[in-house]
């Protein structure tokens, strides 16, 4: 049975921690879903870990839909969330409604995520009123990285901490079903989590959040450019892949691969006729 936003809200009420991972393709999404992870985010992080961009800003709506469709095909149980890319919901409510609807109708997602707090609350409310579940995202918001002046911890001062509290309350009031808290002090994230009734999903925000999200490429050690401080590598698959690829290359060059086990036979009488 498909995980619903009501189930996610209920998990907070019961004190159950919520696991969330990103996915960008059918095979990975299928594995995550079969492992029982309730939330799968098709993150615009695909810009850096899949498409090789320097940030999430160049990611387009068409690219997001392409990957969301693939993920949706592999998922039967988890709630699939499409990440709204840069400038697809900022200009007007009409743009926001049109693009969120595309994630649901074309992409096969069941919800969307967008960055911002007080400044996008009106749009969140309009989207929710159209029947589309919305996950918020405050703190370090990668789409605003130029405005923020880099990848810095948010909410360290009294003024910025108060702003994050206001952002969280505004998203809750607008109808968001959950909020991602990224790269903010753990104590502040814990306070926000207690102050609002909807679940918080942390990334670099400490254990006081109601759940956690990680980029699958970071968690599995597939992205080798750098390891974010907030990430724990539960595996180092890049090394495993490198070893396997080197072994394959060596066997091809030595004529060891393929063997009869990877080959198909032919009737010898037909071969003789040739």
Protein backbone atom coordinates (compact mmCIF):
# COMPACT_ATOMS: atom_id res chain seq x y z
CA UNK A 1 0.00 0.00 0.00
CA UNK A 2 1.33 3.40 -1.00
CA UNK A 3 2.67 5.55 1.85
CA UNK A 4 0.48 8.64 2.27
CA UNK A 5 1.18 12.08 3.73
CA UNK A 6 -1.19 11.14 6.55
CA UNK A 7 1.03 8.16 7.35
CA UNK A 8 4.08 10.45 7.47
CA UNK A 9 2.31 12.88 9.81
CA UNK A 10 1.18 9.97 11.98
CA UNK A 11 4.78 8.78 12.29
CA UNK A 12 5.68 12.07 13.98
CA UNK A 13 2.74 11.80 16.37
CA UNK A 14 3.83 8.29 17.35
CA UNK A 15 7.49 9.29 17.71
CA UNK A 16 8.58 7.08 14.81
CA UNK A 17 11.67 8.34 12.98
CA UNK A 18 11.27 8.85 9.23
CA UNK A 19 13.90 7.72 6.71
CA UNK A 20 14.15 9.45 3.34
CA UNK A 21 16.60 8.96 0.47
CA UNK A 22 17.09 10.45 -2.97
CA UNK A 23 16.85 8.37 -6.14
CA UNK A 24 17.34 9.26 -9.80
CA UNK A 25 16.77 6.02 -11.72
CA UNK A 26 14.52 2.95 -11.87
CA UNK A 27 16.92 0.35 -10.47
CA UNK A 28 18.04 2.39 -7.46
CA UNK A 29 14.49 3.49 -6.67
CA UNK A 30 13.31 -0.13 -6.76
CA UNK A 31 16.01 -1.20 -4.28
CA UNK A 32 15.23 1.70 -1.92
CA UNK A 33 11.51 0.96 -2.09
CA UNK A 34 11.99 -2.75 -1.41
CA UNK A 35 14.11 -1.83 1.63
CA UNK A 36 11.04 -0.14 3.09
CA UNK A 37 12.15 3.50 2.99
CA UNK A 38 8.87 5.48 3.12
CA UNK A 39 9.98 8.68 1.35
CA UNK A 40 11.92 8.88 -1.92
CA UNK A 41 12.98 12.29 -3.19
CA UNK A 42 13.91 12.82 -6.81
CA UNK A 43 16.21 15.64 -5.78
CA UNK A 44 17.57 18.40 -7.96
CA UNK A 45 20.85 17.17 -6.45
CA UNK A 46 20.88 15.05 -9.60
CA UNK A 47 22.46 18.15 -11.14
CA UNK A 48 25.71 17.55 -9.27
CA UNK A 49 25.78 13.79 -8.56
CA UNK A 50 24.28 12.55 -11.86
CA UNK A 51 24.57 15.25 -14.52
CA UNK A 52 27.89 16.76 -13.45
CA UNK A 53 26.79 20.38 -13.02
CA UNK A 54 28.57 22.56 -10.51
CA UNK A 55 25.35 23.22 -8.60
CA UNK A 56 21.62 22.49 -8.69
CA UNK A 57 20.82 25.78 -10.42
CA UNK A 58 21.20 24.58 -14.07
CA UNK A 59 18.76 21.67 -13.59
CA UNK A 60 15.69 22.03 -15.82
CA UNK A 61 12.10 20.92 -15.43
CA UNK A 62 12.47 18.49 -18.34
CA UNK A 63 15.51 16.88 -16.71
CA UNK A 64 13.65 16.52 -13.42
CA UNK A 65 10.64 14.96 -15.13
CA UNK A 66 12.84 12.54 -17.07
CA UNK A 67 14.33 11.18 -13.84
CA UNK A 68 11.09 11.33 -11.85
CA UNK A 69 9.37 9.12 -14.43
CA UNK A 70 12.17 6.56 -14.12
CA UNK A 71 11.98 6.55 -10.32
CA UNK A 72 8.18 6.31 -10.29
CA UNK A 73 8.33 3.19 -12.47
CA UNK A 74 10.45 1.45 -9.84
CA UNK A 75 8.40 2.39 -6.76
CA UNK A 76 5.30 0.61 -5.48
CA UNK A 77 5.11 1.64 -1.83
CA UNK A 78 7.11 4.78 -1.02
CA UNK A 79 5.83 8.32 -1.44
CA UNK A 80 7.71 9.80 -4.42
CA UNK A 81 8.49 13.51 -4.14
CA UNK A 82 9.57 15.62 -7.11
CA UNK A 83 12.01 18.45 -6.37
CA UNK A 84 10.96 21.72 -8.01
CA UNK A 85 14.00 23.11 -9.90
CA UNK A 86 15.27 26.68 -9.87
CA UNK A 87 12.81 29.36 -11.06
CA UNK A 88 9.96 26.93 -11.80
CA UNK A 89 7.79 28.32 -8.99
CA UNK A 90 9.23 31.77 -8.25
CA UNK A 91 7.83 34.01 -10.98
CA UNK A 92 4.10 33.46 -10.52
CA UNK A 93 1.50 31.24 -8.90
CA UNK A 94 0.48 30.16 -12.40
CA UNK A 95 4.01 28.88 -13.09
CA UNK A 96 4.09 27.11 -9.73
CA UNK A 97 0.75 25.37 -10.29
CA UNK A 98 1.60 24.37 -13.86
CA UNK A 99 4.98 22.88 -12.96
CA UNK A 100 3.82 21.09 -9.81
CA UNK A 101 0.98 19.57 -11.82
CA UNK A 102 3.51 18.27 -14.36
CA UNK A 103 5.33 16.37 -11.59
CA UNK A 104 2.08 14.63 -10.67
CA UNK A 105 0.56 14.11 -14.14
CA UNK A 106 3.67 13.44 -16.22
CA UNK A 107 6.29 12.45 -13.66
CA UNK A 108 4.19 10.08 -11.58
CA UNK A 109 5.16 11.71 -8.27
CA UNK A 110 2.72 11.96 -5.37
CA UNK A 111 4.13 15.21 -3.91
CA UNK A 112 6.56 18.04 -4.63
CA UNK A 113 9.27 19.82 -2.65
CA UNK A 114 10.23 23.46 -2.95
CA UNK A 115 12.70 25.73 -1.22
CA UNK A 116 11.79 28.77 0.86
CA UNK A 117 9.68 29.78 3.83
CA UNK A 118 7.65 32.94 4.34
CA UNK A 119 8.49 34.06 0.80
CA UNK A 120 6.81 31.04 -0.82
CA UNK A 121 4.06 30.32 1.72
CA UNK A 122 1.33 31.81 -0.46
CA UNK A 123 2.33 29.59 -3.38
CA UNK A 124 2.48 26.55 -1.12
CA UNK A 125 -1.05 27.29 0.03
CA UNK A 126 -2.29 27.60 -3.55
CA UNK A 127 -0.59 24.33 -4.58
CA UNK A 128 -2.01 22.46 -1.58
CA UNK A 129 -5.47 23.85 -2.32
CA UNK A 130 -5.19 22.28 -5.77
CA UNK A 131 -4.73 18.88 -4.12
CA UNK A 132 -0.96 18.53 -4.50
CA UNK A 133 1.00 17.69 -1.30
CA UNK A 134 3.98 19.96 -0.64
CA UNK A 135 7.16 19.39 1.35
CA UNK A 136 8.97 22.57 2.36
CA UNK A 137 12.72 23.15 2.57
CA UNK A 138 14.42 25.81 4.73
CA UNK A 139 17.87 26.53 6.11
CA UNK A 140 20.60 26.05 3.53
CA UNK A 141 18.64 26.20 0.28
CA UNK A 142 21.02 25.27 -2.56
CA UNK A 143 19.02 27.14 -5.22
CA UNK A 144 19.76 30.37 -3.31
CA UNK A 145 23.44 29.62 -2.85
CA UNK A 146 24.54 32.81 -4.63
CA UNK A 147 22.38 34.91 -2.34
CA UNK A 148 23.53 33.02 0.76
CA UNK A 149 27.19 33.51 -0.18
CA UNK A 150 28.13 29.85 -0.25
CA UNK A 151 27.38 26.61 1.55
CA UNK A 152 27.23 28.01 5.08
CA UNK A 153 25.43 26.94 8.26
CA UNK A 154 22.16 28.86 8.58
CA UNK A 155 20.45 30.09 11.74
CA UNK A 156 23.50 30.70 13.93
CA UNK A 157 22.48 34.24 14.97
CA UNK A 158 19.37 35.25 16.91
CA UNK A 159 17.97 37.09 13.90
CA UNK A 160 18.44 34.23 11.43
CA UNK A 161 17.23 31.65 13.95
CA UNK A 162 14.03 33.63 14.45
CA UNK A 163 13.62 33.84 10.69
CA UNK A 164 13.87 30.05 10.36
CA UNK A 165 11.25 29.59 13.08
CA UNK A 166 8.98 32.00 11.21
CA UNK A 167 9.65 30.15 7.95
CA UNK A 168 8.72 26.82 9.53
CA UNK A 169 5.50 28.18 11.03
CA UNK A 170 4.53 29.84 7.74
CA UNK A 171 4.98 26.57 5.81
CA UNK A 172 2.99 24.66 8.41
CA UNK A 173 0.16 27.21 8.20
CA UNK A 174 0.29 27.09 4.39
CA UNK A 175 -0.43 23.35 4.46
CA UNK A 176 2.97 21.73 3.89
CA UNK A 177 2.97 18.12 5.15
CA UNK A 178 6.67 18.14 6.14
CA UNK A 179 9.74 20.40 6.04
CA UNK A 180 13.38 19.64 5.19
CA UNK A 181 15.81 21.41 7.54
CA UNK A 182 19.22 21.66 5.91
CA UNK A 183 22.53 22.59 7.53
CA UNK A 184 21.29 24.37 10.64
CA UNK A 185 22.47 23.95 14.26
CA UNK A 186 21.15 20.74 15.80
CA UNK A 187 19.66 22.54 18.81
CA UNK A 188 17.71 24.93 16.59
CA UNK A 189 16.45 22.06 14.42
CA UNK A 190 15.31 20.26 17.55
CA UNK A 191 13.47 23.37 18.74
CA UNK A 192 11.73 23.84 15.37
CA UNK A 193 10.74 20.16 15.40
CA UNK A 194 9.07 20.61 18.78
CA UNK A 195 7.38 23.89 17.85
CA UNK A 196 5.57 22.65 14.72
CA UNK A 197 3.10 19.79 14.33
CA UNK A 198 4.33 18.53 10.95
CA UNK A 199 7.44 16.33 10.52
CA UNK A 200 10.89 17.80 10.03
CA UNK A 201 13.39 15.94 7.85
CA UNK A 202 16.97 16.85 8.64
CA UNK A 203 20.09 16.91 6.53
CA UNK A 204 23.00 18.28 8.50
CA UNK A 205 20.52 19.34 11.20
CA UNK A 206 21.12 16.83 13.97
CA UNK A 207 19.22 13.96 15.54
CA UNK A 208 16.41 16.10 16.96
CA UNK A 209 14.56 16.15 13.66
CA UNK A 210 11.64 13.79 13.06
CA UNK A 211 13.46 12.15 10.18
CA UNK A 212 16.60 12.25 8.07
CA UNK A 213 17.36 12.50 4.36
CA UNK A 214 20.59 11.71 2.54
CA UNK A 215 21.68 11.86 -1.08
CA UNK A 216 21.96 8.21 -2.14
CA UNK A 217 25.23 8.88 -4.00
CA UNK A 218 26.81 10.27 -0.82
CA UNK A 219 25.48 7.53 1.45
CA UNK A 220 26.73 4.74 -0.82
CA UNK A 221 30.08 6.37 -1.56
CA UNK A 222 29.38 6.74 -5.28
CA UNK A 223 30.02 10.48 -5.52
CA UNK A 224 33.78 10.93 -5.18
CA UNK A 225 34.27 14.69 -5.69
CA UNK A 226 33.88 15.29 -1.94
CA UNK A 227 32.11 13.86 1.11
CA UNK A 228 29.69 16.31 2.78
CA UNK A 229 30.12 16.70 6.54
CA UNK A 230 26.48 15.74 7.10
CA UNK A 231 26.84 12.45 5.23
CA UNK A 232 27.87 9.05 6.54
CA UNK A 233 29.15 6.56 3.98
CA UNK A 234 27.41 3.27 4.73
CA UNK A 235 29.29 1.77 1.79
CA UNK A 236 32.10 2.79 -0.54
CA UNK A 237 30.79 1.50 -3.83
CA UNK A 238 33.06 3.64 -5.99
CA UNK A 239 35.98 1.48 -4.92
CA UNK A 240 34.04 -1.73 -5.52
CA UNK A 241 33.07 -0.52 -8.99
CA UNK A 242 36.62 0.52 -9.85
CA UNK A 243 37.94 -2.92 -8.87
CA UNK A 244 35.27 -4.73 -10.90
CA UNK A 245 35.83 -2.54 -13.96
CA UNK A 246 39.59 -3.05 -13.80
CA UNK A 247 39.09 -6.84 -13.53
CA UNK A 248 36.72 -6.82 -16.52
CA UNK A 249 39.17 -4.76 -18.60
CA UNK A 250 42.02 -7.14 -17.70
CA UNK A 251 40.01 -10.26 -18.63
CA UNK A 252 38.92 -8.80 -21.97
CA UNK A 253 42.49 -7.85 -22.85
CA UNK A 254 43.76 -11.35 -21.90
CA UNK A 255 40.96 -13.14 -23.74
CA UNK A 256 39.60 -14.66 -20.52
CA UNK A 257 36.15 -13.10 -20.94
CA UNK A 258 33.73 -14.21 -22.30
CA UNK A 259 33.73 -17.94 -21.55
CA UNK A 260 31.30 -20.59 -22.80
CA UNK A 261 29.00 -19.64 -19.92
CA UNK A 262 28.45 -16.21 -21.49
CA UNK A 263 28.22 -17.50 -25.07
CA UNK A 264 25.48 -19.11 -27.19
CA UNK A 265 25.92 -22.46 -29.06
CA UNK A 266 25.09 -23.19 -32.69
CA UNK A 267 24.19 -26.43 -34.49
CA UNK A 268 27.51 -27.70 -35.86
CA UNK A 269 25.88 -29.09 -39.03
CA UNK A 270 24.62 -25.61 -39.91
CA UNK A 271 28.04 -24.18 -39.22
CA UNK A 272 29.56 -26.83 -41.51
CA UNK A 273 27.20 -25.81 -44.32
CA UNK A 274 28.52 -22.28 -44.02
